[in-house]
Protein backbone atom coordinates (compact mmCIF):
# COMPACT_ATOMS: atom_id res chain seq x y z
CA MET A 1 -11.39 -14.45 -13.50
CA ILE A 2 -11.00 -14.25 -9.71
CA ALA A 3 -11.05 -10.69 -8.33
CA PRO A 4 -8.19 -9.73 -6.00
CA ARG A 5 -9.38 -8.82 -2.53
CA LEU A 6 -9.17 -5.32 -1.16
CA GLY A 7 -6.45 -5.57 1.45
CA TRP A 8 -8.07 -3.17 3.93
CA ARG A 9 -11.41 -2.49 5.55
CA LEU A 10 -13.41 0.14 3.73
CA PRO A 11 -13.88 3.34 5.76
CA HIS A 12 -17.27 5.01 6.03
CA VAL A 13 -15.93 8.20 4.38
CA PHE A 14 -13.37 9.02 1.71
CA ALA A 15 -12.12 12.60 1.36
CA HIS A 16 -13.25 13.48 -2.17
CA ARG A 17 -10.42 14.79 -4.40
CA CYS A 18 -7.97 14.69 -1.48
CA GLY A 19 -9.51 17.17 0.94
CA GLY A 20 -12.96 18.00 -0.31
CA ALA A 21 -14.02 21.62 -0.05
CA LEU A 22 -11.41 22.47 2.57
CA ALA A 23 -8.43 22.70 0.20
CA PRO A 24 -7.75 22.97 -3.52
CA GLU A 25 -8.87 19.69 -5.04
CA ASN A 26 -6.31 16.99 -5.81
CA THR A 27 -3.50 18.62 -3.81
CA LEU A 28 -1.13 17.58 -1.06
CA ALA A 29 -2.66 20.28 1.14
CA GLY A 30 -5.93 18.37 0.92
CA LEU A 31 -4.26 15.13 2.00
CA ARG A 32 -2.79 16.82 5.04
CA ILE A 33 -6.13 18.36 6.03
CA ALA A 34 -7.89 15.01 5.63
CA ALA A 35 -5.36 13.35 7.91
CA ARG A 36 -5.60 16.16 10.46
CA LEU A 37 -9.39 15.70 10.62
CA GLY A 38 -8.99 11.99 11.29
CA LEU A 39 -9.97 10.60 7.90
CA ARG A 40 -8.65 7.11 7.18
CA ALA A 41 -8.91 7.29 3.41
CA VAL A 42 -8.80 9.70 0.48
CA GLU A 43 -9.83 9.66 -3.17
CA PHE A 44 -8.09 11.51 -5.97
CA ASP A 45 -7.98 11.66 -9.77
CA VAL A 46 -5.00 10.84 -11.97
CA MET A 47 -4.38 11.56 -15.64
CA LEU A 48 -1.32 11.57 -17.88
CA SER A 49 0.84 14.45 -19.08
CA ALA A 50 2.26 14.75 -22.58
CA ASP A 51 5.21 12.76 -21.23
CA ALA A 52 2.83 9.97 -20.13
CA SER A 53 3.51 10.71 -16.46
CA PRO A 54 0.69 10.45 -13.88
CA TRP A 55 -0.44 13.70 -12.21
CA LEU A 56 -3.34 14.53 -9.89
CA LEU A 57 -5.94 16.26 -12.06
CA HIS A 58 -9.66 15.84 -12.65
CA ASP A 59 -10.25 17.81 -15.86
CA GLU A 60 -8.77 17.25 -19.30
CA THR A 61 -7.86 20.95 -19.32
CA LEU A 62 -5.91 23.04 -16.83
CA ALA A 63 -7.90 26.27 -16.64
CA ARG A 64 -10.39 25.46 -13.87
CA THR A 65 -7.99 24.17 -11.23
CA THR A 66 -4.61 25.75 -12.04
CA ASN A 67 -3.11 28.97 -13.40
CA GLY A 68 -2.29 27.10 -16.61
CA ALA A 69 -4.18 26.61 -19.86
CA GLY A 70 -4.54 23.92 -22.50
CA ARG A 71 -4.99 20.17 -22.39
CA VAL A 72 -3.22 18.12 -19.74
CA CYS A 73 -2.28 15.42 -22.26
CA GLU A 74 -0.51 18.08 -24.37
CA THR A 75 1.39 19.65 -21.46
CA SER A 76 4.87 18.45 -20.47
CA ASP A 77 5.99 17.44 -17.01
CA ALA A 78 8.26 20.49 -16.91
CA GLU A 79 5.31 22.80 -17.61
CA LEU A 80 3.03 21.07 -15.09
CA SER A 81 5.67 21.22 -12.38
CA VAL A 82 5.58 25.04 -12.18
CA LEU A 83 1.80 25.48 -12.12
CA ASP A 84 -0.12 26.84 -9.14
CA ALA A 85 -2.95 24.49 -8.13
CA GLY A 86 -4.24 26.76 -5.37
CA ILE A 87 -4.77 30.29 -6.55
CA ARG A 88 -7.86 29.73 -8.73
CA GLN A 89 -9.58 27.36 -6.33
CA HIS A 90 -8.64 28.72 -2.88
CA PRO A 91 -6.58 31.94 -2.97
CA ALA A 92 -5.40 31.24 0.58
CA PHE A 93 -3.52 28.27 -0.89
CA ALA A 94 -1.76 30.27 -3.60
CA GLY A 95 1.51 28.58 -4.51
CA GLU A 96 0.25 25.06 -3.83
CA PRO A 97 1.95 22.84 -6.42
CA LEU A 98 0.24 20.43 -8.76
CA PRO A 99 1.14 16.99 -7.37
CA THR A 100 2.51 14.02 -9.21
CA LEU A 101 1.13 10.62 -8.31
CA ALA A 102 4.52 9.86 -6.77
CA SER A 103 4.32 12.85 -4.41
CA ALA A 104 0.75 11.96 -3.40
CA ALA A 105 1.73 8.36 -2.73
CA LEU A 106 4.59 9.49 -0.51
CA VAL A 107 2.33 11.75 1.57
CA CYS A 108 -0.38 9.08 1.84
CA ARG A 109 2.16 6.60 3.13
CA GLN A 110 3.70 9.10 5.54
CA LEU A 111 0.28 10.02 6.96
CA GLY A 112 -1.14 6.49 6.97
CA LEU A 113 -3.91 7.35 4.50
CA LEU A 114 -5.57 4.64 2.43
CA ALA A 115 -6.34 5.65 -1.15
CA ASN A 116 -8.85 5.27 -3.94
CA VAL A 117 -7.05 6.32 -7.12
CA GLU A 118 -9.50 7.25 -9.87
CA ILE A 119 -8.08 6.76 -13.36
CA LYS A 120 -9.11 9.79 -15.46
CA PRO A 121 -8.04 9.21 -19.06
CA ALA A 122 -8.09 11.99 -21.60
CA ALA A 123 -10.10 11.14 -24.73
CA GLY A 124 -8.30 8.44 -26.68
CA PHE A 125 -5.87 7.59 -23.86
CA ASP A 126 -7.98 5.10 -21.89
CA ALA A 127 -5.83 2.00 -22.20
CA LEU A 128 -2.52 3.82 -21.84
CA THR A 129 -3.69 5.67 -18.74
CA GLY A 130 -5.00 2.51 -17.13
CA GLU A 131 -1.73 0.67 -17.74
CA VAL A 132 0.59 3.50 -16.65
CA VAL A 133 -1.36 4.30 -13.49
CA ALA A 134 -1.59 0.63 -12.49
CA ARG A 135 2.14 0.07 -12.89
CA ALA A 136 2.94 3.28 -11.04
CA VAL A 137 0.62 2.38 -8.15
CA ARG A 138 2.21 -1.04 -7.75
CA ALA A 139 5.68 0.51 -7.57
CA LEU A 140 4.77 3.49 -5.35
CA TRP A 141 2.84 1.44 -2.78
CA ALA A 142 5.26 -1.51 -2.73
CA GLY A 143 5.22 -3.07 0.72
CA ALA A 144 2.07 -1.18 1.76
CA ALA A 145 -1.68 -1.62 1.37
CA LEU A 146 -2.43 -1.25 -2.33
CA PRO A 147 -4.93 1.46 -3.29
CA LEU A 148 -8.28 0.74 -4.83
CA LEU A 149 -8.22 1.82 -8.49
CA SER A 150 -11.52 2.99 -9.99
CA SER A 151 -12.66 4.53 -13.25
CA PHE A 152 -15.66 5.33 -15.42
CA SER A 153 -13.64 3.87 -18.29
CA GLU A 154 -13.96 0.11 -18.52
CA THR A 155 -11.18 0.17 -21.13
CA ALA A 156 -8.86 1.81 -18.60
CA LEU A 157 -9.83 -0.71 -15.92
CA ALA A 158 -9.26 -3.63 -18.27
CA ALA A 159 -5.80 -2.27 -19.14
CA ALA A 160 -5.00 -1.82 -15.44
CA ARG A 161 -6.12 -5.40 -14.72
CA ALA A 162 -3.96 -6.76 -17.56
CA ALA A 163 -0.90 -4.77 -16.46
CA VAL A 164 -1.12 -5.48 -12.72
CA PRO A 165 -3.48 -8.39 -12.02
CA GLU A 166 -3.24 -8.12 -8.23
CA LEU A 167 -4.71 -4.60 -7.98
CA PRO A 168 -8.24 -4.22 -6.56
CA LEU A 169 -10.52 -2.39 -8.99
CA GLY A 170 -13.75 -0.42 -8.58
CA MET A 171 -16.23 0.14 -11.41
CA LEU A 172 -17.68 3.68 -11.57
CA HIS A 173 -21.05 4.69 -13.01
CA GLU A 174 -23.46 7.53 -12.48
CA ARG A 175 -26.34 5.06 -12.63
CA PRO A 176 -25.21 1.43 -12.92
CA PRO A 177 -26.54 -0.31 -16.06
CA ALA A 178 -28.80 -3.34 -15.84
CA ASP A 179 -25.87 -5.67 -16.60
CA TRP A 180 -23.54 -4.07 -14.03
CA ARG A 181 -22.80 -7.35 -12.28
CA GLU A 182 -21.63 -9.05 -15.47
CA ARG A 183 -19.44 -6.08 -16.33
CA LEU A 184 -17.99 -6.14 -12.82
CA ARG A 185 -17.28 -9.87 -13.21
CA GLN A 186 -15.52 -9.41 -16.55
CA LEU A 187 -13.21 -6.79 -15.01
CA ALA A 188 -12.71 -8.83 -11.82
CA ALA A 189 -13.61 -5.63 -9.95
CA VAL A 190 -14.38 -5.72 -6.23
CA THR A 191 -16.48 -2.57 -5.66
CA LEU A 192 -19.29 -0.70 -7.42
CA HIS A 193 -19.36 3.11 -7.25
CA CYS A 194 -22.32 5.29 -8.23
CA ARG A 195 -24.03 8.61 -7.63
CA ALA A 196 -25.92 8.67 -4.36
CA ASP A 197 -29.11 9.91 -6.03
CA CYS A 198 -28.96 7.11 -8.62
CA LEU A 199 -29.01 4.30 -6.08
CA ASP A 200 -32.07 2.12 -5.52
CA ASP A 201 -32.79 -0.59 -2.97
CA GLU A 202 -33.05 -3.31 -5.62
CA LEU A 203 -29.47 -2.68 -6.73
CA LEU A 204 -28.30 -2.53 -3.12
CA GLY A 205 -30.01 -5.81 -2.38
CA GLU A 206 -28.43 -7.51 -5.39
CA ALA A 207 -25.00 -6.19 -4.45
CA ARG A 208 -25.39 -7.31 -0.85
CA ALA A 209 -26.50 -10.80 -1.95
CA HIS A 210 -23.28 -11.16 -3.94
CA GLY A 211 -20.96 -9.58 -1.39
CA ILE A 212 -20.19 -6.49 -3.50
CA PRO A 213 -19.58 -3.24 -1.57
CA VAL A 214 -21.38 -0.18 -2.97
CA LEU A 215 -19.71 3.23 -2.63
CA CYS A 216 -21.58 6.49 -3.32
CA TYR A 217 -20.53 9.98 -4.40
CA THR A 218 -20.67 12.91 -3.65
CA VAL A 219 -22.33 13.07 -0.22
CA ASN A 220 -22.00 16.34 1.69
CA ASP A 221 -24.98 16.10 4.05
CA PRO A 222 -24.32 14.20 7.31
CA ALA A 223 -27.95 13.05 7.51
CA LEU A 224 -27.80 11.64 3.98
CA ALA A 225 -24.51 9.90 4.73
CA SER A 226 -26.03 8.25 7.81
CA ALA A 227 -29.12 7.21 5.86
CA LEU A 228 -27.00 5.65 3.10
CA HIS A 229 -24.95 3.70 5.63
CA ARG A 230 -28.16 2.42 7.27
CA ARG A 231 -29.37 1.25 3.86
CA GLY A 232 -26.20 -0.75 3.36
CA VAL A 233 -23.85 1.58 1.46
CA ALA A 234 -20.29 0.68 2.41
CA ALA A 235 -18.70 4.12 2.01
CA VAL A 236 -19.34 7.63 0.73
CA PHE A 237 -17.11 10.22 -0.93
CA SER A 238 -17.50 13.66 0.58
CA ASP A 239 -16.32 17.23 0.02
CA ARG A 240 -17.46 18.20 3.52
CA ILE A 241 -15.11 16.09 5.58
CA ASP A 242 -15.44 18.66 8.34
CA CYS A 243 -19.01 17.49 8.98
CA VAL A 244 -19.36 14.08 7.26
CA ALA A 245 -16.99 12.26 9.55
CA GLU A 246 -15.68 8.73 9.80
CA GLY A 247 -17.88 7.00 12.32
């Protein structure tokens, strides 16, 4: 299987969960702050509601990041639409709505932000989430640079690849397994993502030899970001986009 190419040059820095530590995670406020600080690209998480609609959320439950409770996959679109995504994370952002993927796509396109959409399936919903998110991304970014879709779930990535073959995919691991390159090949993925402290030079060398960009999370120290770039890391995801800047 031939991997689709990423249709844009990777930036040095992605704003982690939309705006990092400067705004409630996975919110439109974060996207606007990232753009204001000069970031070229953002990363955010997407999972499905009880109505199988894609929303920006990291956790399977609502309590940490919103004023709601319960599992996202058991909560309707109508219920999600009235939640406050700001008050528990950053009280100054009280009233910030929980975004749909559609609203995030619109803001990204308006602000000229490139995107890495991380597929976050609830337990048992891997394939469905991969398929729904892939189809939604193709429709929402029609006529524009397609986002990079990534996930820890290879099942979700395989479903996304089957649903929309032209989408660029990124394979996510904390520490990549020994057979990471074969897994990447089977998914026709174009990037490898891993934890910054789980990266070794042997893996970097193998990736470089095969033309595979390596992206690392979550890097909040400017000195560490610079060191990773010097070692050959293509991009980092950062919460501290106020000090880990695109260079």
